[in-house]
Amino acid sequence: MTEPETVNDTLHVDNPGPHPWRRYVALGDSFTEGIGDPVPGTADEHRGWADRVAEVLASQVDDFAYANLAVRGKLIAQIVGDQIEPALALKPDLITISAGGNDVIRPGTDPDAVAQQFEDAIVRLSVSGATIVVFTGIDTNFTPVFRNLRGKVAIFNENLRAIADRYDCVVADQWGLKEIQDMRFFDGDRLHMNPLGHHEVARMVLRALNVPNDLRPMQPDPLRVTTWRQAREKDLVWARAHLMPWVLRRLRHQSSGDLISAKRPGATPVVFLSPDADAADRRSLEPDPSGDL
């Protein structure tokens, strides 16, 4: 089911006709790796917005290659240390980088300091001459779990917009993407987007790049009516399955990505997912509770 297009204020590039990019490299953490958007029929493979964007770009030009260096759980210092040089070595003409979210949500962190690390990353990536896309953080006002972080996210976002202006980056504005400010677009861990959310982010990125495409809005299932008791039971299941493991990893100084490698370390041609995959994903919005933050 589709809805009419909505107006979005995401900055975009002037790109009449076929897009100019032939080598796309994505950097980041779980958001860019695609966590929450599992590939149907696989044990631990994830699609995500970046794969969806790459599929559209690859369908429009010849000789297109895509690498995804993102790894779940990574802080911005790890992304800068582990991903920038491999990304530059691939000689991309299009780079997306989403970093700093895991830092901002941690207690006691300074969003201004995180933004300074982000600017250092952009300075290094800018030498490539590639088009660089950066992401604002989502407006967390709609979710009780992260509502108290709204101010920190807003400060980080304002810094990021200034950085983008200084280095001529494209801004993919998640803060302004009102469609995803709805828990029906999120995975059961309440942190990562589900297939619907990743689909909407892909559409937003393609708008920012001014790339024509056939991706249409997808309507989530109607909200289920639940009693207070059912809601509290669901909260307890979430706390056991997701919150407590996250707290334990923090205490042990561990990360969900400690033993994970990048899913696409080299720039390779894009293999298209079945046209029926989105329909299958939409029927599977409640994930396996053994998932990880």
C-alpha atoms as a PDB file:
ATOM      1  CA  MET A   1       0.000   0.000   0.000  1.00  0.00           C
ATOM      2  CA  THR A   2       1.396   3.420  -0.913  1.00  0.00           C
ATOM      3  CA  GLU A   3       0.823   6.984   0.208  1.00  0.00           C
ATOM      4  CA  PRO A   4       1.218  10.317  -1.626  1.00  0.00           C
ATOM      5  CA  GLU A   5       4.699  11.824  -1.609  1.00  0.00           C
ATOM      6  CA  THR A   6       5.408  14.281   1.206  1.00  0.00           C
ATOM      7  CA  VAL A   7       7.574  17.381   1.119  1.00  0.00           C
ATOM      8  CA  ASN A   8      10.981  16.977   2.780  1.00  0.00           C
ATOM      9  CA  ASP A   9      13.523  19.722   3.383  1.00  0.00           C
ATOM     10  CA  THR A  10      16.577  17.483   2.912  1.00  0.00           C
ATOM     11  CA  LEU A  11      19.299  19.304   1.006  1.00  0.00           C
ATOM     12  CA  HIS A  12      19.942  17.783  -2.406  1.00  0.00           C
ATOM     13  CA  VAL A  13      22.401  17.990  -5.274  1.00  0.00           C
ATOM     14  CA  ASP A  14      21.614  19.342  -8.726  1.00  0.00           C
ATOM     15  CA  ASN A  15      21.668  16.166 -10.772  1.00  0.00           C
ATOM     16  CA  PRO A  16      19.692  16.323 -14.037  1.00  0.00           C
ATOM     17  CA  GLY A  17      19.609  13.108 -16.034  1.00  0.00           C
ATOM     18  CA  PRO A  18      21.427   9.891 -15.090  1.00  0.00           C
ATOM     19  CA  HIS A  19      23.403  10.187 -11.872  1.00  0.00           C
ATOM     20  CA  PRO A  20      27.199  10.598 -12.152  1.00  0.00           C
ATOM     21  CA  TRP A  21      28.397   8.061  -9.557  1.00  0.00           C
ATOM     22  CA  ARG A  22      30.102   4.760 -10.291  1.00  0.00           C
ATOM     23  CA  ARG A  23      31.765   3.804  -6.990  1.00  0.00           C
ATOM     24  CA  TYR A  24      29.885   4.166  -3.713  1.00  0.00           C
ATOM     25  CA  VAL A  25      31.378   3.507  -0.259  1.00  0.00           C
ATOM     26  CA  ALA A  26      29.277   3.577   2.934  1.00  0.00           C
ATOM     27  CA  LEU A  27      30.861   4.177   6.360  1.00  0.00           C
ATOM     28  CA  GLY A  28      29.296   3.950   9.792  1.00  0.00           C
ATOM     29  CA  ASP A  29      27.811   1.732  12.470  1.00  0.00           C
ATOM     30  CA  SER A  30      24.745  -0.526  12.760  1.00  0.00           C
ATOM     31  CA  PHE A  31      22.490   2.020  11.038  1.00  0.00           C
ATOM     32  CA  THR A  32      24.525   1.776   7.830  1.00  0.00           C
ATOM     33  CA  GLU A  33      25.282  -1.926   8.214  1.00  0.00           C
ATOM     34  CA  GLY A  34      21.523  -2.453   8.017  1.00  0.00           C
ATOM     35  CA  ILE A  35      20.742  -3.963  11.413  1.00  0.00           C
ATOM     36  CA  GLY A  36      16.985  -4.388  11.823  1.00  0.00           C
ATOM     37  CA  ASP A  37      16.528  -5.154   8.131  1.00  0.00           C
ATOM     38  CA  PRO A  38      17.431  -8.865   7.827  1.00  0.00           C
ATOM     39  CA  VAL A  39      17.765 -10.526   4.440  1.00  0.00           C
ATOM     40  CA  PRO A  40      14.968 -13.154   4.318  1.00  0.00           C
ATOM     41  CA  GLY A  41      16.213 -16.719   4.569  1.00  0.00           C
ATOM     42  CA  THR A  42      19.645 -15.843   6.002  1.00  0.00           C
ATOM     43  CA  ALA A  43      21.068 -16.316   9.498  1.00  0.00           C
ATOM     44  CA  ASP A  44      22.809 -12.951  10.010  1.00  0.00           C
ATOM     45  CA  GLU A  45      22.762 -10.948   6.784  1.00  0.00           C
ATOM     46  CA  HIS A  46      21.292  -7.468   6.675  1.00  0.00           C
ATOM     47  CA  ARG A  47      20.131  -5.277   3.841  1.00  0.00           C
ATOM     48  CA  GLY A  48      19.479  -1.736   5.125  1.00  0.00           C
ATOM     49  CA  TRP A  49      19.069   1.671   3.545  1.00  0.00           C
ATOM     50  CA  ALA A  50      22.581   1.752   2.031  1.00  0.00           C
ATOM     51  CA  ASP A  51      22.040  -1.510   0.136  1.00  0.00           C
ATOM     52  CA  ARG A  52      18.680  -0.188  -1.067  1.00  0.00           C
ATOM     53  CA  VAL A  53      20.274   3.048  -2.294  1.00  0.00           C
ATOM     54  CA  ALA A  54      23.055   1.101  -4.021  1.00  0.00           C
ATOM     55  CA  GLU A  55      20.502  -1.088  -5.789  1.00  0.00           C
ATOM     56  CA  VAL A  56      18.775   1.965  -7.255  1.00  0.00           C
ATOM     57  CA  LEU A  57      22.043   3.624  -8.298  1.00  0.00           C
ATOM     58  CA  ALA A  58      23.329   0.400  -9.868  1.00  0.00           C
ATOM     59  CA  SER A  59      20.130  -0.076 -11.856  1.00  0.00           C
ATOM     60  CA  GLN A  60      20.617   3.240 -13.662  1.00  0.00           C
ATOM     61  CA  VAL A  61      24.231   3.104 -14.842  1.00  0.00           C
ATOM     62  CA  ASP A  62      26.792   0.588 -16.043  1.00  0.00           C
ATOM     63  CA  ASP A  63      29.958  -0.402 -14.174  1.00  0.00           C
ATOM     64  CA  PHE A  64      28.634   0.527 -10.724  1.00  0.00           C
ATOM     65  CA  ALA A  65      30.378  -0.843  -7.591  1.00  0.00           C
ATOM     66  CA  TYR A  66      29.458  -0.615  -3.918  1.00  0.00           C
ATOM     67  CA  ALA A  67      31.317  -1.217  -0.642  1.00  0.00           C
ATOM     68  CA  ASN A  68      29.876  -1.087   2.871  1.00  0.00           C
ATOM     69  CA  LEU A  69      32.484  -0.811   5.637  1.00  0.00           C
ATOM     70  CA  ALA A  70      30.011  -0.152   8.479  1.00  0.00           C
ATOM     71  CA  VAL A  71      30.109  -2.344  11.593  1.00  0.00           C
ATOM     72  CA  ARG A  72      27.525  -2.393  14.371  1.00  0.00           C
ATOM     73  CA  GLY A  73      28.339  -0.877  17.748  1.00  0.00           C
ATOM     74  CA  LYS A  74      31.231   1.285  16.581  1.00  0.00           C
ATOM     75  CA  LEU A  75      31.999   4.648  18.166  1.00  0.00           C
ATOM     76  CA  ILE A  76      33.110   7.544  16.013  1.00  0.00           C
ATOM     77  CA  ALA A  77      36.793   7.132  16.912  1.00  0.00           C
ATOM     78  CA  GLN A  78      36.631   3.502  15.765  1.00  0.00           C
ATOM     79  CA  ILE A  79      34.886   4.450  12.519  1.00  0.00           C
ATOM     80  CA  VAL A  80      37.521   7.098  11.832  1.00  0.00           C
ATOM     81  CA  GLY A  81      40.374   4.767  12.765  1.00  0.00           C
ATOM     82  CA  ASP A  82      39.145   1.648  10.976  1.00  0.00           C
ATOM     83  CA  GLN A  83      37.111   2.781   7.981  1.00  0.00           C
ATOM     84  CA  ILE A  84      38.414   6.022   6.485  1.00  0.00           C
ATOM     85  CA  GLU A  85      41.687   4.796   5.012  1.00  0.00           C
ATOM     86  CA  PRO A  86      40.126   1.611   3.541  1.00  0.00           C
ATOM     87  CA  ALA A  87      37.368   3.807   2.098  1.00  0.00           C
ATOM     88  CA  LEU A  88      39.820   6.208   0.455  1.00  0.00           C
ATOM     89  CA  ALA A  89      41.801   3.273  -0.940  1.00  0.00           C
ATOM     90  CA  LEU A  90      38.685   2.220  -2.869  1.00  0.00           C
ATOM     91  CA  LYS A  91      38.691   5.589  -4.704  1.00  0.00           C
ATOM     92  CA  PRO A  92      34.960   6.336  -4.322  1.00  0.00           C
ATOM     93  CA  ASP A  93      33.114   9.134  -6.066  1.00  0.00           C
ATOM     94  CA  LEU A  94      30.210   8.860  -3.586  1.00  0.00           C
ATOM     95  CA  ILE A  95      30.631   8.456   0.187  1.00  0.00           C
ATOM     96  CA  THR A  96      27.986   8.257   2.900  1.00  0.00           C
ATOM     97  CA  ILE A  97      29.037   8.542   6.515  1.00  0.00           C
ATOM     98  CA  SER A  98      26.815   8.246   9.571  1.00  0.00           C
ATOM     99  CA  ALA A  99      28.846   8.324  12.772  1.00  0.00           C
ATOM    100  CA  GLY A 100      28.575   9.644  16.311  1.00  0.00           C
ATOM    101  CA  GLY A 101      25.169   8.246  17.218  1.00  0.00           C
ATOM    102  CA  ASN A 102      26.577   5.605  19.551  1.00  0.00           C
ATOM    103  CA  ASP A 103      28.682   8.295  21.238  1.00  0.00           C
ATOM    104  CA  VAL A 104      25.828  10.759  21.693  1.00  0.00           C
ATOM    105  CA  ILE A 105      23.511   8.223  23.368  1.00  0.00           C
ATOM    106  CA  ARG A 106      26.148   7.316  25.976  1.00  0.00           C
ATOM    107  CA  PRO A 107      25.811   9.071  29.356  1.00  0.00           C
ATOM    108  CA  GLY A 108      28.178  11.957  29.947  1.00  0.00           C
ATOM    109  CA  THR A 109      29.345  12.449  26.372  1.00  0.00           C
ATOM    110  CA  ASP A 110      29.717  15.929  24.866  1.00  0.00           C
ATOM    111  CA  PRO A 111      27.963  16.365  21.484  1.00  0.00           C
ATOM    112  CA  ASP A 112      30.283  19.253  20.609  1.00  0.00           C
ATOM    113  CA  ALA A 113      33.326  17.038  21.116  1.00  0.00           C
ATOM    114  CA  VAL A 114      31.745  14.257  19.062  1.00  0.00           C
ATOM    115  CA  ALA A 115      31.063  16.779  16.290  1.00  0.00           C
ATOM    116  CA  GLN A 116      34.719  17.827  16.292  1.00  0.00           C
ATOM    117  CA  GLN A 117      35.716  14.210  15.684  1.00  0.00           C
ATOM    118  CA  PHE A 118      33.148  14.093  12.889  1.00  0.00           C
ATOM    119  CA  GLU A 119      34.644  17.192  11.274  1.00  0.00           C
ATOM    120  CA  ASP A 120      38.102  15.610  11.394  1.00  0.00           C
ATOM    121  CA  ALA A 121      36.641  12.645   9.482  1.00  0.00           C
ATOM    122  CA  ILE A 122      35.104  14.920   6.842  1.00  0.00           C
ATOM    123  CA  VAL A 123      38.399  16.757   6.366  1.00  0.00           C
ATOM    124  CA  ARG A 124      40.123  13.463   5.606  1.00  0.00           C
ATOM    125  CA  LEU A 125      37.350  12.190   3.328  1.00  0.00           C
ATOM    126  CA  SER A 126      37.185  15.463   1.403  1.00  0.00           C
ATOM    127  CA  VAL A 127      40.578  14.852  -0.200  1.00  0.00           C
ATOM    128  CA  SER A 128      38.909  12.166  -2.328  1.00  0.00           C
ATOM    129  CA  GLY A 129      36.866  14.727  -4.241  1.00  0.00           C
ATOM    130  CA  ALA A 130      33.837  12.456  -3.787  1.00  0.00           C
ATOM    131  CA  THR A 131      30.298  13.612  -3.096  1.00  0.00           C
ATOM    132  CA  ILE A 132      29.882  13.168   0.681  1.00  0.00           C
ATOM    133  CA  VAL A 133      26.508  12.556   2.324  1.00  0.00           C
ATOM    134  CA  VAL A 134      26.156  13.081   6.086  1.00  0.00           C
ATOM    135  CA  PHE A 135      23.199  12.260   8.357  1.00  0.00           C
ATOM    136  CA  THR A 136      21.554  14.244  11.095  1.00  0.00           C
ATOM    137  CA  GLY A 137      20.331  12.254  14.087  1.00  0.00           C
ATOM    138  CA  ILE A 138      16.657  11.399  14.368  1.00  0.00           C
ATOM    139  CA  ASP A 139      14.300  13.489  16.504  1.00  0.00           C
ATOM    140  CA  THR A 140      13.811  11.200  19.509  1.00  0.00           C
ATOM    141  CA  ASN A 141      10.818  13.025  20.975  1.00  0.00           C
ATOM    142  CA  PHE A 142       8.444  10.237  19.888  1.00  0.00           C
ATOM    143  CA  THR A 143      10.190   7.456  21.834  1.00  0.00           C
ATOM    144  CA  PRO A 144      10.190   7.333  25.659  1.00  0.00           C
ATOM    145  CA  VAL A 145      13.430   5.314  25.684  1.00  0.00           C
ATOM    146  CA  PHE A 146      15.503   8.105  24.096  1.00  0.00           C
ATOM    147  CA  ARG A 147      13.348  11.220  24.567  1.00  0.00           C
ATOM    148  CA  ASN A 148      15.690  12.674  27.187  1.00  0.00           C
ATOM    149  CA  LEU A 149      18.527  12.648  24.620  1.00  0.00           C
ATOM    150  CA  ARG A 150      16.700  15.004  22.263  1.00  0.00           C
ATOM    151  CA  GLY A 151      18.719  18.045  23.318  1.00  0.00           C
ATOM    152  CA  LYS A 152      22.073  16.316  22.812  1.00  0.00           C
ATOM    153  CA  VAL A 153      21.010  15.076  19.381  1.00  0.00           C
ATOM    154  CA  ALA A 154      19.866  18.578  18.393  1.00  0.00           C
ATOM    155  CA  ILE A 155      23.221  20.088  19.430  1.00  0.00           C
ATOM    156  CA  PHE A 156      25.099  17.443  17.463  1.00  0.00           C
ATOM    157  CA  ASN A 157      22.855  18.072  14.448  1.00  0.00           C
ATOM    158  CA  GLU A 158      23.498  21.824  14.440  1.00  0.00           C
ATOM    159  CA  ASN A 159      27.232  21.169  14.518  1.00  0.00           C
ATOM    160  CA  LEU A 160      26.859  18.655  11.704  1.00  0.00           C
ATOM    161  CA  ARG A 161      24.919  21.092   9.507  1.00  0.00           C
ATOM    162  CA  ALA A 162      27.672  23.683   9.954  1.00  0.00           C
ATOM    163  CA  ILE A 163      30.299  21.082   9.035  1.00  0.00           C
ATOM    164  CA  ALA A 164      28.331  20.094   5.949  1.00  0.00           C
ATOM    165  CA  ASP A 165      28.133  23.722   4.894  1.00  0.00           C
ATOM    166  CA  ARG A 166      31.892  24.237   5.321  1.00  0.00           C
ATOM    167  CA  TYR A 167      32.847  21.171   3.299  1.00  0.00           C
ATOM    168  CA  ASP A 168      30.001  21.181   0.758  1.00  0.00           C
ATOM    169  CA  CYS A 169      28.463  17.908   1.959  1.00  0.00           C
ATOM    170  CA  VAL A 170      24.937  16.736   1.176  1.00  0.00           C
ATOM    171  CA  VAL A 171      22.746  16.556   4.300  1.00  0.00           C
ATOM    172  CA  ALA A 172      20.414  13.584   4.681  1.00  0.00           C
ATOM    173  CA  ASP A 173      18.013  14.991   7.265  1.00  0.00           C
ATOM    174  CA  GLN A 174      16.722  12.246   9.549  1.00  0.00           C
ATOM    175  CA  TRP A 175      15.560  14.852  12.086  1.00  0.00           C
ATOM    176  CA  GLY A 176      13.110  16.161   9.516  1.00  0.00           C
ATOM    177  CA  LEU A 177      12.005  12.717   8.319  1.00  0.00           C
ATOM    178  CA  LYS A 178       8.688  12.678  10.165  1.00  0.00           C
ATOM    179  CA  GLU A 179       7.571   9.422   8.531  1.00  0.00           C
ATOM    180  CA  ILE A 180       9.919   7.371  10.712  1.00  0.00           C
ATOM    181  CA  GLN A 181       8.987   9.058  13.999  1.00  0.00           C
ATOM    182  CA  ASP A 182       6.721   6.131  14.721  1.00  0.00           C
ATOM    183  CA  MET A 183       7.704   2.946  16.560  1.00  0.00           C
ATOM    184  CA  ARG A 184       6.100   0.892  13.783  1.00  0.00           C
ATOM    185  CA  PHE A 185       9.187   1.797  11.712  1.00  0.00           C
ATOM    186  CA  PHE A 186      11.533   0.368  14.358  1.00  0.00           C
ATOM    187  CA  ASP A 187      12.819  -3.051  15.306  1.00  0.00           C
ATOM    188  CA  GLY A 188      11.847  -4.746  18.565  1.00  0.00           C
ATOM    189  CA  ASP A 189      15.046  -3.488  20.217  1.00  0.00           C
ATOM    190  CA  ARG A 190      13.567   0.060  19.947  1.00  0.00           C
ATOM    191  CA  LEU A 191      16.884   1.359  18.602  1.00  0.00           C
ATOM    192  CA  HIS A 192      17.325   0.092  15.051  1.00  0.00           C
ATOM    193  CA  MET A 193      14.903   0.670  12.197  1.00  0.00           C
ATOM    194  CA  ASN A 194      12.994  -2.248  10.719  1.00  0.00           C
ATOM    195  CA  PRO A 195      12.626  -2.799   6.934  1.00  0.00           C
ATOM    196  CA  LEU A 196      10.017  -0.050   6.691  1.00  0.00           C
ATOM    197  CA  GLY A 197      12.333   2.441   8.377  1.00  0.00           C
ATOM    198  CA  HIS A 198      15.331   1.524   6.226  1.00  0.00           C
ATOM    199  CA  HIS A 199      13.142   1.830   3.134  1.00  0.00           C
ATOM    200  CA  GLU A 200      12.089   5.369   4.098  1.00  0.00           C
ATOM    201  CA  VAL A 201      15.690   6.403   4.800  1.00  0.00           C
ATOM    202  CA  ALA A 202      16.725   5.050   1.384  1.00  0.00           C
ATOM    203  CA  ARG A 203      14.013   7.154  -0.236  1.00  0.00           C
ATOM    204  CA  MET A 204      15.217  10.212   1.680  1.00  0.00           C
ATOM    205  CA  VAL A 205      18.859   9.690   0.624  1.00  0.00           C
ATOM    206  CA  LEU A 206      17.846   9.327  -3.008  1.00  0.00           C
ATOM    207  CA  ARG A 207      15.869  12.579  -2.723  1.00  0.00           C
ATOM    208  CA  ALA A 208      18.942  14.280  -1.280  1.00  0.00           C
ATOM    209  CA  LEU A 209      20.979  13.051  -4.243  1.00  0.00           C
ATOM    210  CA  ASN A 210      18.175  14.020  -6.633  1.00  0.00           C
ATOM    211  CA  VAL A 211      18.103  10.520  -8.120  1.00  0.00           C
ATOM    212  CA  PRO A 212      14.789   9.494  -9.713  1.00  0.00           C
ATOM    213  CA  ASN A 213      13.507   6.132  -8.538  1.00  0.00           C
ATOM    214  CA  ASP A 214      10.457   3.915  -8.199  1.00  0.00           C
ATOM    215  CA  LEU A 215      10.567   3.487  -4.407  1.00  0.00           C
ATOM    216  CA  ARG A 216       7.202   4.364  -2.921  1.00  0.00           C
ATOM    217  CA  PRO A 217       6.128   5.022   0.682  1.00  0.00           C
ATOM    218  CA  MET A 218       5.015   1.900   2.532  1.00  0.00           C
ATOM    219  CA  GLN A 219       2.181   1.949   5.029  1.00  0.00           C
ATOM    220  CA  PRO A 220       2.805   0.140   8.351  1.00  0.00           C
ATOM    221  CA  ASP A 221       0.172  -2.128   9.822  1.00  0.00           C
ATOM    222  CA  PRO A 222      -2.416  -0.383  12.031  1.00  0.00           C
ATOM    223  CA  LEU A 223      -1.460   0.115  15.658  1.00  0.00           C
ATOM    224  CA  ARG A 224      -2.569  -2.750  17.879  1.00  0.00           C
ATOM    225  CA  VAL A 225      -4.762  -1.888  20.840  1.00  0.00           C
ATOM    226  CA  THR A 226      -3.059  -3.123  24.006  1.00  0.00           C
ATOM    227  CA  THR A 227      -3.934  -2.992  27.679  1.00  0.00           C
ATOM    228  CA  TRP A 228      -1.679  -1.395  30.287  1.00  0.00           C
ATOM    229  CA  ARG A 229      -0.692  -4.881  31.489  1.00  0.00           C
ATOM    230  CA  GLN A 230       0.211  -6.044  27.978  1.00  0.00           C
ATOM    231  CA  ALA A 231       2.329  -2.917  27.443  1.00  0.00           C
ATOM    232  CA  ARG A 232       4.231  -3.505  30.700  1.00  0.00           C
ATOM    233  CA  GLU A 233       4.801  -7.158  29.810  1.00  0.00           C
ATOM    234  CA  LYS A 234       6.222  -6.070  26.465  1.00  0.00           C
ATOM    235  CA  ASP A 235       8.496  -3.612  28.267  1.00  0.00           C
ATOM    236  CA  LEU A 236       9.815  -6.401  30.493  1.00  0.00           C
ATOM    237  CA  VAL A 237      10.525  -8.640  27.502  1.00  0.00           C
ATOM    238  CA  TRP A 238      12.393  -5.760  25.844  1.00  0.00           C
ATOM    239  CA  ALA A 239      14.437  -5.071  28.986  1.00  0.00           C
ATOM    240  CA  ARG A 240      15.502  -8.721  29.320  1.00  0.00           C
ATOM    241  CA  ALA A 241      16.241  -9.257  25.630  1.00  0.00           C
ATOM    242  CA  HIS A 242      17.866  -5.938  24.746  1.00  0.00           C
ATOM    243  CA  LEU A 243      18.468  -3.472  27.590  1.00  0.00           C
ATOM    244  CA  MET A 244      20.231  -5.813  30.027  1.00  0.00           C
ATOM    245  CA  PRO A 245      22.633  -7.253  27.405  1.00  0.00           C
ATOM    246  CA  TRP A 246      23.495  -3.671  26.379  1.00  0.00           C
ATOM    247  CA  VAL A 247      24.190  -2.685  29.999  1.00  0.00           C
ATOM    248  CA  LEU A 248      26.308  -5.784  30.560  1.00  0.00           C
ATOM    249  CA  ARG A 249      28.406  -5.052  27.479  1.00  0.00           C
ATOM    250  CA  ARG A 250      29.019  -1.514  28.741  1.00  0.00           C
ATOM    251  CA  LEU A 251      30.179  -2.878  32.110  1.00  0.00           C
ATOM    252  CA  ARG A 252      32.483  -5.356  30.371  1.00  0.00           C
ATOM    253  CA  HIS A 253      33.734  -2.740  27.877  1.00  0.00           C
ATOM    254  CA  GLN A 254      32.471  -4.876  25.031  1.00  0.00           C
ATOM    255  CA  SER A 255      30.721  -4.008  21.788  1.00  0.00           C
ATOM    256  CA  SER A 256      28.201  -5.879  19.674  1.00  0.00           C
ATOM    257  CA  GLY A 257      30.622  -5.428  16.765  1.00  0.00           C
ATOM    258  CA  ASP A 258      33.771  -6.764  18.435  1.00  0.00           C
ATOM    259  CA  LEU A 259      33.837  -9.964  16.360  1.00  0.00           C
ATOM    260  CA  ILE A 260      32.095  -8.550  13.266  1.00  0.00           C
ATOM    261  CA  SER A 261      33.761  -7.639   9.979  1.00  0.00           C
ATOM    262  CA  ALA A 262      32.458  -5.289   7.309  1.00  0.00           C
ATOM    263  CA  LYS A 263      29.888  -7.031   5.121  1.00  0.00           C
ATOM    264  CA  ARG A 264      31.210  -5.536   1.845  1.00  0.00           C
ATOM    265  CA  PRO A 265      34.886  -4.593   2.368  1.00  0.00           C
ATOM    266  CA  GLY A 266      35.514  -4.338  -1.373  1.00  0.00           C
ATOM    267  CA  ALA A 267      33.731  -2.345  -4.054  1.00  0.00           C
ATOM    268  CA  THR A 268      31.806  -4.980  -5.997  1.00  0.00           C
ATOM    269  CA  PRO A 269      28.781  -5.097  -8.327  1.00  0.00           C
ATOM    270  CA  VAL A 270      25.364  -5.013  -6.686  1.00  0.00           C
ATOM    271  CA  VAL A 271      23.288  -8.198  -6.487  1.00  0.00           C
ATOM    272  CA  PHE A 272      19.627  -7.251  -6.536  1.00  0.00           C
ATOM    273  CA  LEU A 273      17.273  -8.610  -3.905  1.00  0.00           C
ATOM    274  CA  SER A 274      14.085 -10.297  -5.055  1.00  0.00           C
ATOM    275  CA  PRO A 275      11.219  -7.862  -5.818  1.00  0.00           C
ATOM    276  CA  ASP A 276       9.151  -9.786  -3.251  1.00  0.00           C
ATOM    277  CA  ALA A 277      11.629  -9.141  -0.440  1.00  0.00           C
ATOM    278  CA  ASP A 278       9.985  -5.951   0.800  1.00  0.00           C
ATOM    279  CA  ALA A 279       6.601  -7.656   1.025  1.00  0.00           C
ATOM    280  CA  ALA A 280       8.174 -10.461   3.049  1.00  0.00           C
ATOM    281  CA  ASP A 281       9.940  -7.972   5.275  1.00  0.00           C
ATOM    282  CA  ARG A 282       6.713  -6.066   5.895  1.00  0.00           C
ATOM    283  CA  ARG A 283       5.098  -9.242   7.217  1.00  0.00           C
ATOM    284  CA  SER A 284       7.970  -9.697   9.678  1.00  0.00           C
ATOM    285  CA  LEU A 285       8.037  -6.488  11.673  1.00  0.00           C
ATOM    286  CA  GLU A 286       8.414  -8.239  15.050  1.00  0.00           C
ATOM    287  CA  PRO A 287      12.050  -9.467  15.204  1.00  0.00           C
ATOM    288  CA  ASP A 288      13.645 -12.348  17.015  1.00  0.00           C
ATOM    289  CA  PRO A 289      14.049 -11.194  20.648  1.00  0.00           C
ATOM    290  CA  SER A 290      17.603 -12.551  20.649  1.00  0.00           C
ATOM    291  CA  GLY A 291      18.676  -9.520  18.556  1.00  0.00           C
ATOM    292  CA  ASP A 292      21.430  -7.186  19.701  1.00  0.00           C
ATOM    293  CA  LEU A 293      21.862  -3.459  20.073  1.00  0.00           C
END
